[in-house]
Structure formats: structure tokens, C-alpha cells
Amino acid sequence: MASAPIGWRAWLAALFSARGAGEALPPSLRKPAVRRRGDTTELQFVRGVSQSQMVTRDPDRLLIDYTRTMLGALVLAPRPRSIGIIGLGGGSQPKYCYRHLPEARIEVVENNPHVLALRRKFRVPDDDARFQVFLDDGARFLQGRRGRFDLLLVDGYDETGIPDALSTQAFYDDCRESLAEAGAAAFNLYCADAATHVGRLRNAFGEDHVLVIEELRQSNRVAIAWTGPDRESAEMSLSSAALRDLARVFATVRERLATANLSA
């Protein structure tokens, strides 16, 4: 059954009912801070460590490299009609997709009500006919969406890293099952055990349907996985501005696919 948007107080009440009133708030539900440095607005769970950055005067711009690399998955899903995004954060990718993929319907899931409460500070669009944000657990969100998405972006983090619920083989299997027949997914792997996550992705998608790209200026990797052929099947539905903006990312993905060096 699909998740429905609910008030965060009701969600927390249900959580504490299940956990017991004496237990502390889980780290993933702690309240982040919003900090401003020059022309950027940043989301931080730990002071000095930014989980999301926004150019205050250009809120739809992708500022951090990996957020751009993840959209390289569009090479394998060039005309997405339905996009799923796990992890709202400062809304960098949701905002970009909303602006530059006008034909797509976008569903975003965020499990932290405190993050969701900051959506206006980060200029995340209000819900409308083609954009909706859900307050729910990302793993549970996928379970009711078999075959739903042409493009899936997974960037769910708290201050401790990738949550356990978004790290299991069952979760990666559900990511695969949530994609349409010729869909693609991208995963931000900012963790010490990236090889474990890549192995689980290959178990879910197949050895030759997972591409790993190292971020040269950051200590993380982006994994792109897909369900269809490893070639572009149509012209991209991106705006011309986004095609120019992401041209280097697309060139990297195409080059890697052409060399078929998928085991890196």
C-alpha cells in the first residue's frame, strides 16, 4: 500500500508507541541546523559538516559534484515520466528535476520531520499535481511502488552515514523492483564499506548492470544501476539549460558504458 503524507507529530507518536516512551530520539530524527556562509545556505547535523548546500540566490542549482553525477543515470532513462527520490535534505535534486524535467511526476520521501519542516528555507516547491513529498521511511516507501519509477535517486543519510534500513540486500532488491522495465537508479555511496553496497546492487541488478563512478574531489562514489539496455533509447527530455549543465557528466557515463568497465 502506498505511503500517505502525515503530520510529523502523528508520525513521531506512532514511532514512540512502537519504541517505548523512554527511548531517546533516534539519530536520524534529530534536528539539523541551517547555517549561512556567504551566498550559500547549508543543512548541518554536525557543526562544520554540510549535508546539503544551496546557492541562496540560485536555489535550483546543483552545487555539490555528486548530485550532478547521480543525474548521469538519465543517460539510461532519458525521458522519465515518474521519478522517485529517497532523502529530501536541502532538496537539491528534487528542485533541479522539478525545474528541468517538466514532463516528470516526482515523489520524494524523507523520514525526518525536522528536515521536512525546513523545505521552505531551502526553497523546495510546495506539493502540487506533479510534485509530492512524503514523510515516511524510505525502505517502506518503496515496498508499495513496484514498477513505478523510470528514475530513482537514493541519497538517504543522517549524521552517522547511510541508515541500516537503506543498506540491506532487501532494500536494494526493492529498488530494482520499484523501477519500470527500462528504468535507472543512482545511489550516493558516502561510506567506508562502499564495496558491500556495490555487491548488493550487483546481486539485485546483475553484474553487468551496475556502473560505479568515483568522485575525484570527494571521498564518495556514485553507483548507477539499470533494468534496460546499456544504451540511450531516446532523446532526453531535459531542458536545454540542463543538457548544457550536465554535459560533462553525461559524457563520463557514456564513455564508461562504451568501455564496458563495469567492475571498477
C-alpha atoms as a PDB file:
ATOM      1  CA  MET A   1       0.000   0.000   0.000  1.00  0.00           C
ATOM      2  CA  ALA A   2       1.368   3.424  -0.902  1.00  0.00           C
ATOM      3  CA  SER A   3       2.519   5.754   1.840  1.00  0.00           C
ATOM      4  CA  ALA A   4       0.466   8.847   2.557  1.00  0.00           C
ATOM      5  CA  PRO A   5       1.687  12.215   3.779  1.00  0.00           C
ATOM      6  CA  ILE A   6       1.029  12.570   7.512  1.00  0.00           C
ATOM      7  CA  GLY A   7       1.680  15.188  10.140  1.00  0.00           C
ATOM      8  CA  TRP A   8       5.076  14.819  11.772  1.00  0.00           C
ATOM      9  CA  ARG A   9       3.671  14.830  15.305  1.00  0.00           C
ATOM     10  CA  ALA A  10       1.418  11.894  14.429  1.00  0.00           C
ATOM     11  CA  TRP A  11       4.369  10.102  12.843  1.00  0.00           C
ATOM     12  CA  LEU A  12       6.522  10.607  15.945  1.00  0.00           C
ATOM     13  CA  ALA A  13       3.686   9.490  18.213  1.00  0.00           C
ATOM     14  CA  ALA A  14       3.405   6.248  16.261  1.00  0.00           C
ATOM     15  CA  LEU A  15       7.178   5.818  16.404  1.00  0.00           C
ATOM     16  CA  PHE A  16       7.366   6.283  20.172  1.00  0.00           C
ATOM     17  CA  SER A  17       4.392   3.990  20.677  1.00  0.00           C
ATOM     18  CA  ALA A  18       6.324   1.254  18.881  1.00  0.00           C
ATOM     19  CA  ARG A  19       9.691   2.028  20.521  1.00  0.00           C
ATOM     20  CA  GLY A  20       8.630   2.849  24.070  1.00  0.00           C
ATOM     21  CA  ALA A  21       8.411   6.325  25.544  1.00  0.00           C
ATOM     22  CA  GLY A  22      11.661   6.037  27.479  1.00  0.00           C
ATOM     23  CA  GLU A  23      13.907   5.620  24.446  1.00  0.00           C
ATOM     24  CA  ALA A  24      15.882   8.536  23.025  1.00  0.00           C
ATOM     25  CA  LEU A  25      15.103  10.084  19.677  1.00  0.00           C
ATOM     26  CA  PRO A  26      16.997   8.114  17.012  1.00  0.00           C
ATOM     27  CA  PRO A  27      19.952   9.983  15.482  1.00  0.00           C
ATOM     28  CA  SER A  28      18.234  10.041  12.075  1.00  0.00           C
ATOM     29  CA  LEU A  29      15.383  12.092  13.557  1.00  0.00           C
ATOM     30  CA  ARG A  30      17.436  14.722  15.320  1.00  0.00           C
ATOM     31  CA  LYS A  31      17.016  18.333  14.363  1.00  0.00           C
ATOM     32  CA  PRO A  32      19.544  19.741  11.867  1.00  0.00           C
ATOM     33  CA  ALA A  33      20.784  23.309  11.805  1.00  0.00           C
ATOM     34  CA  VAL A  34      20.544  25.777   8.945  1.00  0.00           C
ATOM     35  CA  ARG A  35      23.697  27.839   8.538  1.00  0.00           C
ATOM     36  CA  ARG A  36      24.575  30.556   6.062  1.00  0.00           C
ATOM     37  CA  ARG A  37      28.059  31.205   4.718  1.00  0.00           C
ATOM     38  CA  GLY A  38      28.393  33.925   2.131  1.00  0.00           C
ATOM     39  CA  ASP A  39      25.964  33.128  -0.672  1.00  0.00           C
ATOM     40  CA  THR A  40      25.249  29.567   0.473  1.00  0.00           C
ATOM     41  CA  THR A  41      22.658  28.082   2.807  1.00  0.00           C
ATOM     42  CA  GLU A  42      23.707  24.784   4.405  1.00  0.00           C
ATOM     43  CA  LEU A  43      21.968  21.927   6.205  1.00  0.00           C
ATOM     44  CA  GLN A  44      24.114  20.502   9.021  1.00  0.00           C
ATOM     45  CA  PHE A  45      23.550  17.772  11.597  1.00  0.00           C
ATOM     46  CA  VAL A  46      27.120  18.190  12.874  1.00  0.00           C
ATOM     47  CA  ARG A  47      28.572  21.686  13.033  1.00  0.00           C
ATOM     48  CA  GLY A  48      31.017  22.267  10.195  1.00  0.00           C
ATOM     49  CA  VAL A  49      29.848  19.247   8.187  1.00  0.00           C
ATOM     50  CA  SER A  50      27.354  20.168   5.459  1.00  0.00           C
ATOM     51  CA  GLN A  51      24.888  17.563   4.280  1.00  0.00           C
ATOM     52  CA  SER A  52      23.321  19.881   1.733  1.00  0.00           C
ATOM     53  CA  GLN A  53      24.266  23.226   0.228  1.00  0.00           C
ATOM     54  CA  MET A  54      22.187  25.744  -1.691  1.00  0.00           C
ATOM     55  CA  VAL A  55      23.245  28.862  -3.549  1.00  0.00           C
ATOM     56  CA  THR A  56      20.859  31.273  -1.869  1.00  0.00           C
ATOM     57  CA  ARG A  57      20.316  33.384  -4.985  1.00  0.00           C
ATOM     58  CA  ASP A  58      20.100  30.360  -7.303  1.00  0.00           C
ATOM     59  CA  PRO A  59      18.259  27.695  -5.265  1.00  0.00           C
ATOM     60  CA  ASP A  60      17.757  25.192  -8.112  1.00  0.00           C
ATOM     61  CA  ARG A  61      21.459  24.937  -8.928  1.00  0.00           C
ATOM     62  CA  LEU A  62      23.325  21.684  -8.216  1.00  0.00           C
ATOM     63  CA  LEU A  63      26.301  22.828  -6.170  1.00  0.00           C
ATOM     64  CA  ILE A  64      27.887  19.559  -4.971  1.00  0.00           C
ATOM     65  CA  ASP A  65      29.536  17.300  -7.561  1.00  0.00           C
ATOM     66  CA  TYR A  66      27.897  14.005  -6.608  1.00  0.00           C
ATOM     67  CA  THR A  67      24.392  15.444  -7.010  1.00  0.00           C
ATOM     68  CA  ARG A  68      25.262  16.128 -10.638  1.00  0.00           C
ATOM     69  CA  THR A  69      26.914  12.748 -11.170  1.00  0.00           C
ATOM     70  CA  MET A  70      23.806  10.946  -9.914  1.00  0.00           C
ATOM     71  CA  LEU A  71      21.801  12.536 -12.714  1.00  0.00           C
ATOM     72  CA  GLY A  72      24.081  10.744 -15.151  1.00  0.00           C
ATOM     73  CA  ALA A  73      21.517   7.964 -14.750  1.00  0.00           C
ATOM     74  CA  LEU A  74      19.441   9.933 -17.263  1.00  0.00           C
ATOM     75  CA  VAL A  75      21.673   8.503 -19.990  1.00  0.00           C
ATOM     76  CA  LEU A  76      19.915   5.194 -19.283  1.00  0.00           C
ATOM     77  CA  ALA A  77      16.470   6.654 -18.560  1.00  0.00           C
ATOM     78  CA  PRO A  78      16.371   9.696 -20.851  1.00  0.00           C
ATOM     79  CA  ARG A  79      12.663  10.545 -20.689  1.00  0.00           C
ATOM     80  CA  PRO A  80      11.468   9.807 -17.148  1.00  0.00           C
ATOM     81  CA  ARG A  81       7.775  10.231 -16.525  1.00  0.00           C
ATOM     82  CA  SER A  82       7.977   9.163 -12.889  1.00  0.00           C
ATOM     83  CA  ILE A  83      10.882   9.956 -10.553  1.00  0.00           C
ATOM     84  CA  GLY A  84      11.364   8.664  -7.020  1.00  0.00           C
ATOM     85  CA  ILE A  85      13.813  10.324  -4.625  1.00  0.00           C
ATOM     86  CA  ILE A  86      14.811   8.906  -1.236  1.00  0.00           C
ATOM     87  CA  GLY A  87      16.125  11.643   1.036  1.00  0.00           C
ATOM     88  CA  LEU A  88      14.974  15.265   0.818  1.00  0.00           C
ATOM     89  CA  GLY A  89      17.780  17.038   2.676  1.00  0.00           C
ATOM     90  CA  GLY A  90      18.047  20.528   1.235  1.00  0.00           C
ATOM     91  CA  GLY A  91      16.140  19.423  -1.852  1.00  0.00           C
ATOM     92  CA  SER A  92      18.924  19.917  -4.419  1.00  0.00           C
ATOM     93  CA  GLN A  93      17.934  17.105  -6.785  1.00  0.00           C
ATOM     94  CA  PRO A  94      14.153  17.401  -6.294  1.00  0.00           C
ATOM     95  CA  LYS A  95      14.297  21.104  -7.172  1.00  0.00           C
ATOM     96  CA  TYR A  96      16.527  20.504 -10.175  1.00  0.00           C
ATOM     97  CA  CYS A  97      14.310  17.734 -11.535  1.00  0.00           C
ATOM     98  CA  TYR A  98      11.172  19.781 -10.949  1.00  0.00           C
ATOM     99  CA  ARG A  99      12.585  22.674 -12.945  1.00  0.00           C
ATOM    100  CA  HIS A 100      14.373  20.836 -15.746  1.00  0.00           C
ATOM    101  CA  LEU A 101      12.202  17.722 -16.287  1.00  0.00           C
ATOM    102  CA  PRO A 102       8.770  19.311 -16.715  1.00  0.00           C
ATOM    103  CA  GLU A 103       7.165  16.122 -18.041  1.00  0.00           C
ATOM    104  CA  ALA A 104       8.020  14.118 -14.919  1.00  0.00           C
ATOM    105  CA  ARG A 105       5.994  13.461 -11.785  1.00  0.00           C
ATOM    106  CA  ILE A 106       8.258  13.486  -8.735  1.00  0.00           C
ATOM    107  CA  GLU A 107       7.760  11.692  -5.420  1.00  0.00           C
ATOM    108  CA  VAL A 108      10.206  12.418  -2.597  1.00  0.00           C
ATOM    109  CA  VAL A 109      10.369  10.586   0.732  1.00  0.00           C
ATOM    110  CA  GLU A 110      12.017  11.951   3.882  1.00  0.00           C
ATOM    111  CA  ASN A 111      11.889  10.228   7.264  1.00  0.00           C
ATOM    112  CA  ASN A 112      12.947  13.166   9.437  1.00  0.00           C
ATOM    113  CA  PRO A 113      10.144  15.643  10.224  1.00  0.00           C
ATOM    114  CA  HIS A 114      12.674  18.286  11.247  1.00  0.00           C
ATOM    115  CA  VAL A 115      14.249  18.158   7.791  1.00  0.00           C
ATOM    116  CA  LEU A 116      10.828  18.293   6.167  1.00  0.00           C
ATOM    117  CA  ALA A 117       9.986  21.375   8.232  1.00  0.00           C
ATOM    118  CA  LEU A 118      12.885  23.226   6.562  1.00  0.00           C
ATOM    119  CA  ARG A 119      11.633  22.798   2.999  1.00  0.00           C
ATOM    120  CA  ARG A 120      10.718  26.478   2.638  1.00  0.00           C
ATOM    121  CA  LYS A 121      14.110  27.649   3.886  1.00  0.00           C
ATOM    122  CA  PHE A 122      15.627  25.613   1.058  1.00  0.00           C
ATOM    123  CA  ARG A 123      13.025  26.770  -1.472  1.00  0.00           C
ATOM    124  CA  VAL A 124      11.618  23.291  -2.063  1.00  0.00           C
ATOM    125  CA  PRO A 125       8.400  23.600  -4.112  1.00  0.00           C
ATOM    126  CA  ASP A 126       5.033  23.097  -2.469  1.00  0.00           C
ATOM    127  CA  ASP A 127       3.212  19.873  -3.271  1.00  0.00           C
ATOM    128  CA  ASP A 128       1.207  20.019  -6.480  1.00  0.00           C
ATOM    129  CA  ALA A 129      -0.038  17.744  -9.267  1.00  0.00           C
ATOM    130  CA  ARG A 130       3.484  16.671 -10.251  1.00  0.00           C
ATOM    131  CA  PHE A 131       5.490  17.089  -7.049  1.00  0.00           C
ATOM    132  CA  GLN A 132       4.853  15.481  -3.679  1.00  0.00           C
ATOM    133  CA  VAL A 133       6.937  14.970  -0.537  1.00  0.00           C
ATOM    134  CA  PHE A 134       6.101  12.116   1.840  1.00  0.00           C
ATOM    135  CA  LEU A 135       7.071  11.728   5.484  1.00  0.00           C
ATOM    136  CA  ASP A 136       7.939   8.049   5.760  1.00  0.00           C
ATOM    137  CA  ASP A 137      10.727   5.505   5.996  1.00  0.00           C
ATOM    138  CA  GLY A 138      12.471   5.205   2.622  1.00  0.00           C
ATOM    139  CA  ALA A 139      12.577   1.410   2.622  1.00  0.00           C
ATOM    140  CA  ARG A 140       8.882   1.142   3.437  1.00  0.00           C
ATOM    141  CA  PHE A 141       8.048   3.784   0.838  1.00  0.00           C
ATOM    142  CA  LEU A 142       9.460   1.604  -1.952  1.00  0.00           C
ATOM    143  CA  GLN A 143       7.578  -1.533  -0.970  1.00  0.00           C
ATOM    144  CA  GLY A 144       4.269  -0.233  -2.325  1.00  0.00           C
ATOM    145  CA  ARG A 145       5.702   1.078  -5.603  1.00  0.00           C
ATOM    146  CA  ARG A 146       6.612  -1.905  -7.739  1.00  0.00           C
ATOM    147  CA  GLY A 147       7.413  -0.890 -11.338  1.00  0.00           C
ATOM    148  CA  ARG A 148       6.558   2.738 -10.618  1.00  0.00           C
ATOM    149  CA  PHE A 149       9.677   4.774 -11.376  1.00  0.00           C
ATOM    150  CA  ASP A 150      11.637   5.454 -14.540  1.00  0.00           C
ATOM    151  CA  LEU A 151      14.328   7.133 -12.445  1.00  0.00           C
ATOM    152  CA  LEU A 152      15.171   6.533  -8.775  1.00  0.00           C
ATOM    153  CA  LEU A 153      17.659   8.678  -6.832  1.00  0.00           C
ATOM    154  CA  VAL A 154      18.796   7.343  -3.445  1.00  0.00           C
ATOM    155  CA  ASP A 155      20.564   9.812  -1.162  1.00  0.00           C
ATOM    156  CA  GLY A 156      19.269   8.986   2.306  1.00  0.00           C
ATOM    157  CA  TYR A 157      21.662   9.952   5.099  1.00  0.00           C
ATOM    158  CA  ASP A 158      21.801  11.037   8.711  1.00  0.00           C
ATOM    159  CA  GLU A 159      24.835  12.236  10.668  1.00  0.00           C
ATOM    160  CA  THR A 160      26.031   8.653  11.103  1.00  0.00           C
ATOM    161  CA  GLY A 161      26.007   7.808   7.388  1.00  0.00           C
ATOM    162  CA  ILE A 162      23.707   5.557   5.366  1.00  0.00           C
ATOM    163  CA  PRO A 163      20.947   4.236   7.677  1.00  0.00           C
ATOM    164  CA  ASP A 164      20.774   0.477   8.217  1.00  0.00           C
ATOM    165  CA  ALA A 165      17.318   0.324   6.609  1.00  0.00           C
ATOM    166  CA  LEU A 166      18.787   1.660   3.348  1.00  0.00           C
ATOM    167  CA  SER A 167      21.737  -0.744   3.364  1.00  0.00           C
ATOM    168  CA  THR A 168      20.236  -4.233   3.224  1.00  0.00           C
ATOM    169  CA  GLN A 169      20.012  -6.623   0.306  1.00  0.00           C
ATOM    170  CA  ALA A 170      16.228  -6.482   0.660  1.00  0.00           C
ATOM    171  CA  PHE A 171      16.303  -2.703   0.213  1.00  0.00           C
ATOM    172  CA  TYR A 172      18.393  -2.898  -2.950  1.00  0.00           C
ATOM    173  CA  ASP A 173      16.114  -5.636  -4.267  1.00  0.00           C
ATOM    174  CA  ASP A 174      13.154  -3.314  -3.659  1.00  0.00           C
ATOM    175  CA  CYS A 175      14.967  -0.525  -5.518  1.00  0.00           C
ATOM    176  CA  ARG A 176      15.216  -2.852  -8.506  1.00  0.00           C
ATOM    177  CA  GLU A 177      11.570  -3.845  -8.214  1.00  0.00           C
ATOM    178  CA  SER A 178      10.433  -0.212  -7.996  1.00  0.00           C
ATOM    179  CA  LEU A 179      11.823   0.552 -11.461  1.00  0.00           C
ATOM    180  CA  ALA A 180       9.945   0.355 -14.728  1.00  0.00           C
ATOM    181  CA  GLU A 181      11.055  -2.036 -17.471  1.00  0.00           C
ATOM    182  CA  ALA A 182      13.743   0.346 -18.756  1.00  0.00           C
ATOM    183  CA  GLY A 183      14.436   2.340 -15.605  1.00  0.00           C
ATOM    184  CA  ALA A 184      17.617   3.532 -13.923  1.00  0.00           C
ATOM    185  CA  ALA A 185      18.678   4.346 -10.379  1.00  0.00           C
ATOM    186  CA  ALA A 186      21.565   6.286  -8.841  1.00  0.00           C
ATOM    187  CA  PHE A 187      22.972   5.855  -5.340  1.00  0.00           C
ATOM    188  CA  ASN A 188      25.244   8.150  -3.348  1.00  0.00           C
ATOM    189  CA  LEU A 189      27.727   5.886  -1.539  1.00  0.00           C
ATOM    190  CA  TYR A 190      29.483   8.067   1.004  1.00  0.00           C
ATOM    191  CA  CYS A 191      30.638   5.331   3.356  1.00  0.00           C
ATOM    192  CA  ALA A 192      33.623   3.223   4.351  1.00  0.00           C
ATOM    193  CA  ASP A 193      32.123  -0.015   3.022  1.00  0.00           C
ATOM    194  CA  ALA A 194      31.081   1.078  -0.474  1.00  0.00           C
ATOM    195  CA  ALA A 195      32.140  -2.302  -1.891  1.00  0.00           C
ATOM    196  CA  THR A 196      29.493  -4.018   0.251  1.00  0.00           C
ATOM    197  CA  HIS A 197      26.782  -1.760  -1.141  1.00  0.00           C
ATOM    198  CA  VAL A 198      28.013  -2.249  -4.708  1.00  0.00           C
ATOM    199  CA  GLY A 199      27.974  -6.021  -4.208  1.00  0.00           C
ATOM    200  CA  ARG A 200      24.364  -5.887  -3.056  1.00  0.00           C
ATOM    201  CA  LEU A 201      23.458  -3.702  -6.014  1.00  0.00           C
ATOM    202  CA  ARG A 202      25.011  -6.233  -8.393  1.00  0.00           C
ATOM    203  CA  ASN A 203      23.073  -9.011  -6.680  1.00  0.00           C
ATOM    204  CA  ALA A 204      19.881  -7.030  -7.306  1.00  0.00           C
ATOM    205  CA  PHE A 205      20.511  -5.672 -10.813  1.00  0.00           C
ATOM    206  CA  GLY A 206      23.079  -8.064 -12.270  1.00  0.00           C
ATOM    207  CA  GLU A 207      26.866  -7.854 -12.566  1.00  0.00           C
ATOM    208  CA  ASP A 208      26.735  -6.003 -15.892  1.00  0.00           C
ATOM    209  CA  HIS A 209      24.020  -3.527 -14.896  1.00  0.00           C
ATOM    210  CA  VAL A 210      25.896  -1.508 -12.263  1.00  0.00           C
ATOM    211  CA  LEU A 211      28.351   1.296 -13.028  1.00  0.00           C
ATOM    212  CA  VAL A 212      30.488   2.890 -10.286  1.00  0.00           C
ATOM    213  CA  ILE A 213      31.909   6.391 -10.674  1.00  0.00           C
ATOM    214  CA  GLU A 214      34.486   7.811  -8.258  1.00  0.00           C
ATOM    215  CA  GLU A 215      34.066  11.416  -7.183  1.00  0.00           C
ATOM    216  CA  LEU A 216      37.523  12.900  -7.716  1.00  0.00           C
ATOM    217  CA  ARG A 217      37.046  15.859  -5.369  1.00  0.00           C
ATOM    218  CA  GLN A 218      35.127  13.960  -2.691  1.00  0.00           C
ATOM    219  CA  SER A 219      35.567  10.691  -0.825  1.00  0.00           C
ATOM    220  CA  ASN A 220      32.424   9.038  -2.109  1.00  0.00           C
ATOM    221  CA  ARG A 221      31.226   7.024  -5.073  1.00  0.00           C
ATOM    222  CA  VAL A 222      28.093   7.146  -7.176  1.00  0.00           C
ATOM    223  CA  ALA A 223      26.611   3.855  -8.340  1.00  0.00           C
ATOM    224  CA  ILE A 224      24.253   3.805 -11.318  1.00  0.00           C
ATOM    225  CA  ALA A 225      22.132   0.713 -11.921  1.00  0.00           C
ATOM    226  CA  TRP A 226      19.539  -0.009 -14.590  1.00  0.00           C
ATOM    227  CA  THR A 227      16.984  -2.519 -15.797  1.00  0.00           C
ATOM    228  CA  GLY A 228      17.038  -1.958 -19.552  1.00  0.00           C
ATOM    229  CA  PRO A 229      19.738  -1.925 -22.269  1.00  0.00           C
ATOM    230  CA  ASP A 230      23.012  -0.085 -21.647  1.00  0.00           C
ATOM    231  CA  ARG A 231      22.434   2.436 -24.407  1.00  0.00           C
ATOM    232  CA  GLU A 232      20.296   5.515 -24.884  1.00  0.00           C
ATOM    233  CA  SER A 233      16.903   4.709 -26.314  1.00  0.00           C
ATOM    234  CA  ALA A 234      15.525   8.219 -26.842  1.00  0.00           C
ATOM    235  CA  GLU A 235      16.378  11.898 -26.803  1.00  0.00           C
ATOM    236  CA  MET A 236      16.484  13.336 -23.297  1.00  0.00           C
ATOM    237  CA  SER A 237      13.508  15.345 -22.092  1.00  0.00           C
ATOM    238  CA  LEU A 238      15.747  17.679 -20.059  1.00  0.00           C
ATOM    239  CA  SER A 239      15.619  21.404 -20.610  1.00  0.00           C
ATOM    240  CA  SER A 240      18.333  22.778 -22.888  1.00  0.00           C
ATOM    241  CA  ALA A 241      19.909  24.557 -19.907  1.00  0.00           C
ATOM    242  CA  ALA A 242      20.228  21.286 -18.000  1.00  0.00           C
ATOM    243  CA  LEU A 243      21.625  19.486 -21.052  1.00  0.00           C
ATOM    244  CA  ARG A 244      24.426  22.044 -21.146  1.00  0.00           C
ATOM    245  CA  ASP A 245      24.874  21.987 -17.388  1.00  0.00           C
ATOM    246  CA  LEU A 246      25.227  18.197 -17.189  1.00  0.00           C
ATOM    247  CA  ALA A 247      27.053  17.622 -20.491  1.00  0.00           C
ATOM    248  CA  ARG A 248      30.312  16.577 -18.814  1.00  0.00           C
ATOM    249  CA  VAL A 249      28.527  14.102 -16.530  1.00  0.00           C
ATOM    250  CA  PHE A 250      26.703  12.524 -19.469  1.00  0.00           C
ATOM    251  CA  ALA A 251      29.967  12.248 -21.409  1.00  0.00           C
ATOM    252  CA  THR A 252      31.592  10.406 -18.492  1.00  0.00           C
ATOM    253  CA  VAL A 253      28.727   7.923 -18.200  1.00  0.00           C
ATOM    254  CA  ARG A 254      28.648   7.288 -21.957  1.00  0.00           C
ATOM    255  CA  GLU A 255      32.401   6.722 -22.027  1.00  0.00           C
ATOM    256  CA  ARG A 256      32.244   4.257 -19.154  1.00  0.00           C
ATOM    257  CA  LEU A 257      29.378   2.362 -20.776  1.00  0.00           C
ATOM    258  CA  ALA A 258      31.247   2.238 -24.081  1.00  0.00           C
ATOM    259  CA  THR A 259      34.331   0.724 -22.474  1.00  0.00           C
ATOM    260  CA  ALA A 260      32.157  -1.730 -20.512  1.00  0.00           C
ATOM    261  CA  ASN A 261      34.477  -1.461 -17.498  1.00  0.00           C
ATOM    262  CA  LEU A 262      31.692  -2.132 -15.030  1.00  0.00           C
ATOM    263  CA  SER A 263      33.691  -3.952 -12.383  1.00  0.00           C
ATOM    264  CA  ALA A 264      35.606  -0.871 -11.181  1.00  0.00           C
END
